[in-house]
Amino acid sequence: MDVTGLPQGQIIVGQPNRVAEPAQPTFIVMMPLRFERIATNFDGYQDSSFVGSVANNVLTVTELLIGIVPTGALLFGQNINSSITIQQQLSGQPGQAGTYQLSQALNLAQQNFAAGGKVVEIDADVTVQLDFHSADNSAAQLAQTVSALLRDIYGVSFFAALTAPQNAVVPLFADDPALRPFVNAEGNYEWRWVLDAHFQVNQVTRVPQQFADAVSIVTVAVPQQVTGL
């Protein structure tokens, strides 16, 4: 965020343990606190079907039938075991016709493949504790600035302009800062202002899902029996 006129500090993660305190006087420690669900699961489906062949551990896709070719997905098809995945794309437009590296080597002539999946989304409120440290009381002004901007459309627009996947994070609100002096390793008190910031994060989990290629409908004649009154 633009904090023009305020001391520029380093942002460090509060874990793992034994993280050395930065040498510069102004810095922010970020500590994840809670992951709280704010809605029931949203289930979606991503069908994927394509034509291709396999030589060694390289899948060559020549034609897309449904969807795209998803990397990381389980590969379905004739003469394929249940543990082969599409690891990464080697050539071609993303998700389109081209070559892909598989997790195992095999050789298959041209045939139809599938890599469909079920997508489970959890919308959550993620709470992060931000500790603003400074050699003087400028940490108070920095904490107040961040608190104000995370409650404003400015904060939402700031995250939306970031590159994926950070642009999917949406600020919800932030608490008011509180003064909580910090005692360093030398036993000296340092300025520290603390606030909790809340962000909406939509966590997505994809699991393999097969889809039917065709539906066969068979009609069955049911004999009628008429009984008298």
Protein backbone atom coordinates (compact mmCIF):
# COMPACT_ATOMS: atom_id res chain seq x y z
CA MET A 1 0.00 0.00 0.00
CA ASP A 2 1.08 3.58 -0.56
CA VAL A 3 2.28 4.93 2.78
CA THR A 4 4.03 8.00 1.42
CA GLY A 5 5.79 9.93 4.15
CA LEU A 6 5.92 7.00 6.56
CA PRO A 7 9.04 4.94 7.35
CA GLN A 8 9.45 2.07 4.93
CA GLY A 9 9.92 -1.24 6.74
CA GLN A 10 10.44 -4.90 6.00
CA ILE A 11 7.57 -7.39 6.36
CA ILE A 12 8.49 -10.75 7.86
CA VAL A 13 6.46 -13.85 8.71
CA GLY A 14 6.05 -14.60 12.41
CA GLN A 15 6.97 -18.25 11.96
CA PRO A 16 9.08 -20.40 11.87
CA ASN A 17 10.62 -19.85 15.28
CA ARG A 18 13.96 -18.16 15.81
CA VAL A 19 13.46 -15.64 13.03
CA ALA A 20 16.07 -12.96 13.56
CA GLU A 21 14.80 -9.42 14.16
CA PRO A 22 15.53 -7.24 11.11
CA ALA A 23 18.41 -4.81 11.44
CA GLN A 24 16.34 -1.89 10.19
CA PRO A 25 14.35 -0.02 12.87
CA THR A 26 10.93 -0.24 11.18
CA PHE A 27 9.40 -3.62 10.29
CA ILE A 28 6.11 -5.53 10.39
CA VAL A 29 5.60 -9.08 11.68
CA MET A 30 2.69 -10.97 10.09
CA MET A 31 1.22 -13.94 11.99
CA PRO A 32 -1.74 -16.01 10.67
CA LEU A 33 -4.23 -16.60 13.49
CA ARG A 34 -7.52 -18.13 12.29
CA PHE A 35 -9.19 -19.68 9.24
CA GLU A 36 -12.97 -19.43 9.74
CA ARG A 37 -15.54 -20.70 7.24
CA ILE A 38 -18.12 -18.06 6.25
CA ALA A 39 -20.26 -20.17 3.90
CA THR A 40 -21.09 -23.76 3.08
CA ASN A 41 -19.02 -25.54 0.44
CA PHE A 42 -19.59 -24.62 -3.20
CA ASP A 43 -19.23 -27.68 -5.44
CA GLY A 44 -18.49 -27.29 -9.12
CA TYR A 45 -17.34 -29.56 -11.92
CA GLN A 46 -14.70 -29.23 -14.66
CA ASP A 47 -15.07 -31.80 -17.41
CA SER A 48 -12.04 -32.35 -19.62
CA SER A 49 -11.85 -34.56 -22.70
CA PHE A 50 -9.28 -34.58 -25.50
CA VAL A 51 -7.59 -36.69 -28.19
CA GLY A 52 -3.91 -37.53 -28.05
CA SER A 53 -1.15 -40.11 -27.75
CA VAL A 54 1.62 -40.93 -25.27
CA ALA A 55 5.29 -41.70 -25.88
CA ASN A 56 7.41 -42.43 -22.79
CA ASN A 57 6.20 -39.81 -20.29
CA VAL A 58 5.06 -37.18 -22.82
CA LEU A 59 1.38 -36.75 -23.68
CA THR A 60 0.74 -35.10 -27.05
CA VAL A 61 -2.73 -33.53 -27.28
CA THR A 62 -3.95 -32.97 -30.84
CA GLU A 63 -7.61 -32.04 -30.29
CA LEU A 64 -9.68 -30.70 -27.41
CA LEU A 65 -13.20 -32.08 -27.09
CA ILE A 66 -14.39 -30.57 -23.79
CA GLY A 67 -12.78 -27.99 -21.53
CA ILE A 68 -9.01 -27.66 -21.22
CA VAL A 69 -6.12 -29.95 -20.25
CA PRO A 70 -5.59 -29.28 -16.51
CA THR A 71 -2.10 -29.70 -15.07
CA GLY A 72 -1.94 -31.63 -11.81
CA ALA A 73 -5.04 -33.65 -12.73
CA LEU A 74 -5.41 -37.43 -12.84
CA LEU A 75 -5.41 -38.85 -16.37
CA PHE A 76 -8.22 -41.21 -17.41
CA GLY A 77 -8.32 -43.46 -20.48
CA GLN A 78 -7.93 -47.01 -21.75
CA ASN A 79 -4.87 -48.93 -20.49
CA ILE A 80 -4.03 -46.26 -17.90
CA ASN A 81 -3.60 -47.06 -14.21
CA SER A 82 -5.16 -44.94 -11.49
CA SER A 83 -2.03 -43.02 -10.45
CA ILE A 84 -0.81 -41.18 -13.57
CA THR A 85 -1.10 -37.40 -13.40
CA ILE A 86 -0.48 -34.56 -15.84
CA GLN A 87 2.46 -32.82 -14.19
CA GLN A 88 3.23 -29.83 -16.40
CA GLN A 89 2.74 -28.41 -19.89
CA LEU A 90 5.79 -28.53 -22.15
CA SER A 91 4.54 -26.72 -25.27
CA GLY A 92 1.47 -25.02 -26.74
CA GLN A 93 -1.01 -22.46 -25.41
CA PRO A 94 -1.94 -22.97 -21.72
CA GLY A 95 -4.45 -25.81 -21.40
CA GLN A 96 -4.70 -26.24 -25.16
CA ALA A 97 -3.25 -28.64 -27.74
CA GLY A 98 0.42 -29.32 -27.15
CA THR A 99 2.69 -31.58 -25.13
CA TYR A 100 2.45 -32.42 -21.43
CA GLN A 101 4.74 -34.28 -19.04
CA LEU A 102 3.20 -37.25 -17.22
CA SER A 103 4.20 -38.66 -13.85
CA GLN A 104 4.93 -42.11 -15.33
CA ALA A 105 6.17 -43.43 -18.66
CA LEU A 106 3.90 -45.41 -21.00
CA ASN A 107 3.23 -45.71 -24.72
CA LEU A 108 -0.28 -45.36 -26.15
CA ALA A 109 -1.52 -44.82 -29.67
CA GLN A 110 -3.96 -42.02 -30.39
CA GLN A 111 -7.13 -42.33 -28.36
CA ASN A 112 -9.56 -40.34 -26.24
CA PHE A 113 -8.42 -39.18 -22.80
CA ALA A 114 -10.15 -37.43 -19.91
CA ALA A 115 -8.95 -35.41 -16.91
CA GLY A 116 -12.14 -34.14 -15.31
CA GLY A 117 -12.48 -33.04 -11.73
CA LYS A 118 -14.79 -31.88 -8.98
CA VAL A 119 -13.97 -28.47 -7.51
CA VAL A 120 -14.77 -27.83 -3.84
CA GLU A 121 -14.57 -24.19 -2.74
CA ILE A 122 -14.48 -22.99 0.87
CA ASP A 123 -15.04 -19.26 1.42
CA ALA A 124 -13.24 -18.25 4.60
CA ASP A 125 -12.37 -15.28 6.79
CA VAL A 126 -8.61 -15.45 7.39
CA THR A 127 -7.39 -13.40 10.35
CA VAL A 128 -3.80 -12.16 10.35
CA GLN A 129 -2.11 -10.37 13.25
CA LEU A 130 0.12 -7.48 12.16
CA ASP A 131 2.78 -6.19 14.57
CA PHE A 132 4.22 -2.79 13.62
CA HIS A 133 7.67 -2.16 15.14
CA SER A 134 9.71 1.05 15.05
CA ALA A 135 12.51 2.78 16.89
CA ASP A 136 10.17 5.69 17.61
CA ASN A 137 6.38 5.99 17.76
CA SER A 138 6.03 6.15 13.95
CA ALA A 139 4.72 2.56 14.16
CA ALA A 140 1.47 4.04 15.51
CA GLN A 141 0.95 6.13 12.38
CA LEU A 142 1.82 3.20 10.12
CA ALA A 143 -0.64 0.93 11.96
CA GLN A 144 -3.40 3.53 11.76
CA THR A 145 -2.79 3.96 8.01
CA VAL A 146 -3.02 0.24 7.33
CA SER A 147 -6.15 -0.07 9.50
CA ALA A 148 -7.84 2.78 7.62
CA LEU A 149 -6.96 1.50 4.13
CA LEU A 150 -8.07 -2.07 4.87
CA ARG A 151 -11.52 -0.65 5.71
CA ASP A 152 -11.67 1.30 2.45
CA ILE A 153 -12.19 0.55 -1.25
CA TYR A 154 -8.53 1.55 -1.66
CA GLY A 155 -7.46 -1.66 0.07
CA VAL A 156 -9.78 -3.79 -2.05
CA SER A 157 -8.49 -2.19 -5.25
CA PHE A 158 -4.88 -2.60 -4.11
CA PHE A 159 -5.20 -6.38 -3.75
CA ALA A 160 -7.29 -6.71 -6.93
CA ALA A 161 -4.42 -5.14 -8.91
CA LEU A 162 -1.88 -7.74 -7.73
CA THR A 163 -0.88 -10.75 -9.80
CA ALA A 164 -2.56 -14.14 -9.30
CA PRO A 165 -3.15 -15.69 -6.84
CA GLN A 166 -2.75 -12.66 -4.53
CA ASN A 167 -5.42 -10.76 -6.47
CA ALA A 168 -8.04 -13.22 -5.18
CA VAL A 169 -7.55 -11.97 -1.59
CA VAL A 170 -10.19 -9.43 -0.52
CA PRO A 171 -9.80 -7.26 2.61
CA LEU A 172 -12.87 -7.40 4.87
CA PHE A 173 -11.93 -5.12 7.78
CA ALA A 174 -9.24 -4.45 10.37
CA ASP A 175 -9.36 -3.87 14.12
CA ASP A 176 -8.22 -0.63 15.70
CA PRO A 177 -4.50 -0.70 16.58
CA ALA A 178 -3.43 -1.28 20.17
CA LEU A 179 -0.13 -0.36 21.84
CA ARG A 180 1.67 -3.46 23.11
CA PRO A 181 5.33 -2.70 23.89
CA PHE A 182 7.81 -5.38 22.89
CA VAL A 183 10.78 -6.51 24.97
CA ASN A 184 13.69 -7.49 22.72
CA ALA A 185 16.52 -9.93 23.39
CA GLU A 186 18.54 -7.20 25.09
CA GLY A 187 15.71 -6.53 27.56
CA ASN A 188 14.89 -3.17 26.02
CA TYR A 189 11.36 -1.97 25.30
CA GLU A 190 10.49 -1.23 21.66
CA TRP A 191 7.48 0.51 20.16
CA ARG A 192 4.94 -2.02 18.88
CA TRP A 193 1.39 -1.43 17.67
CA VAL A 194 -0.76 -4.49 16.95
CA LEU A 195 -3.95 -5.03 14.94
CA ASP A 196 -5.89 -7.97 13.51
CA ALA A 197 -6.67 -7.79 9.78
CA HIS A 198 -9.42 -9.90 8.21
CA PHE A 199 -9.32 -11.10 4.60
CA GLN A 200 -11.69 -13.23 2.53
CA VAL A 201 -9.90 -16.14 0.89
CA ASN A 202 -11.71 -18.65 -1.32
CA GLN A 203 -9.81 -21.91 -0.95
CA VAL A 204 -10.27 -24.35 -3.84
CA THR A 205 -9.62 -28.10 -3.71
CA ARG A 206 -9.83 -30.17 -6.91
CA VAL A 207 -10.38 -33.95 -6.81
CA PRO A 208 -10.60 -36.38 -9.76
CA GLN A 209 -14.05 -36.90 -11.25
CA GLN A 210 -15.02 -39.05 -14.23
CA PHE A 211 -17.87 -38.10 -16.55
CA ALA A 212 -19.98 -40.19 -18.90
CA ASP A 213 -19.08 -39.94 -22.60
CA ALA A 214 -22.52 -41.03 -23.76
CA VAL A 215 -25.90 -42.01 -22.39
CA SER A 216 -27.70 -45.12 -23.65
CA ILE A 217 -31.49 -45.09 -23.36
CA VAL A 218 -33.32 -48.40 -23.56
CA THR A 219 -37.11 -48.64 -23.62
CA VAL A 220 -38.75 -51.57 -21.93
CA ALA A 221 -42.30 -52.64 -22.70
CA VAL A 222 -44.35 -53.09 -19.53
CA PRO A 223 -47.29 -55.48 -19.91
CA GLN A 224 -50.58 -54.02 -18.80
CA GLN A 225 -53.00 -55.94 -16.67
CA VAL A 226 -56.61 -54.88 -16.59
CA THR A 227 -58.78 -56.15 -13.78
CA GLY A 228 -62.51 -56.01 -13.58
CA LEU A 229 -64.41 -53.96 -11.04
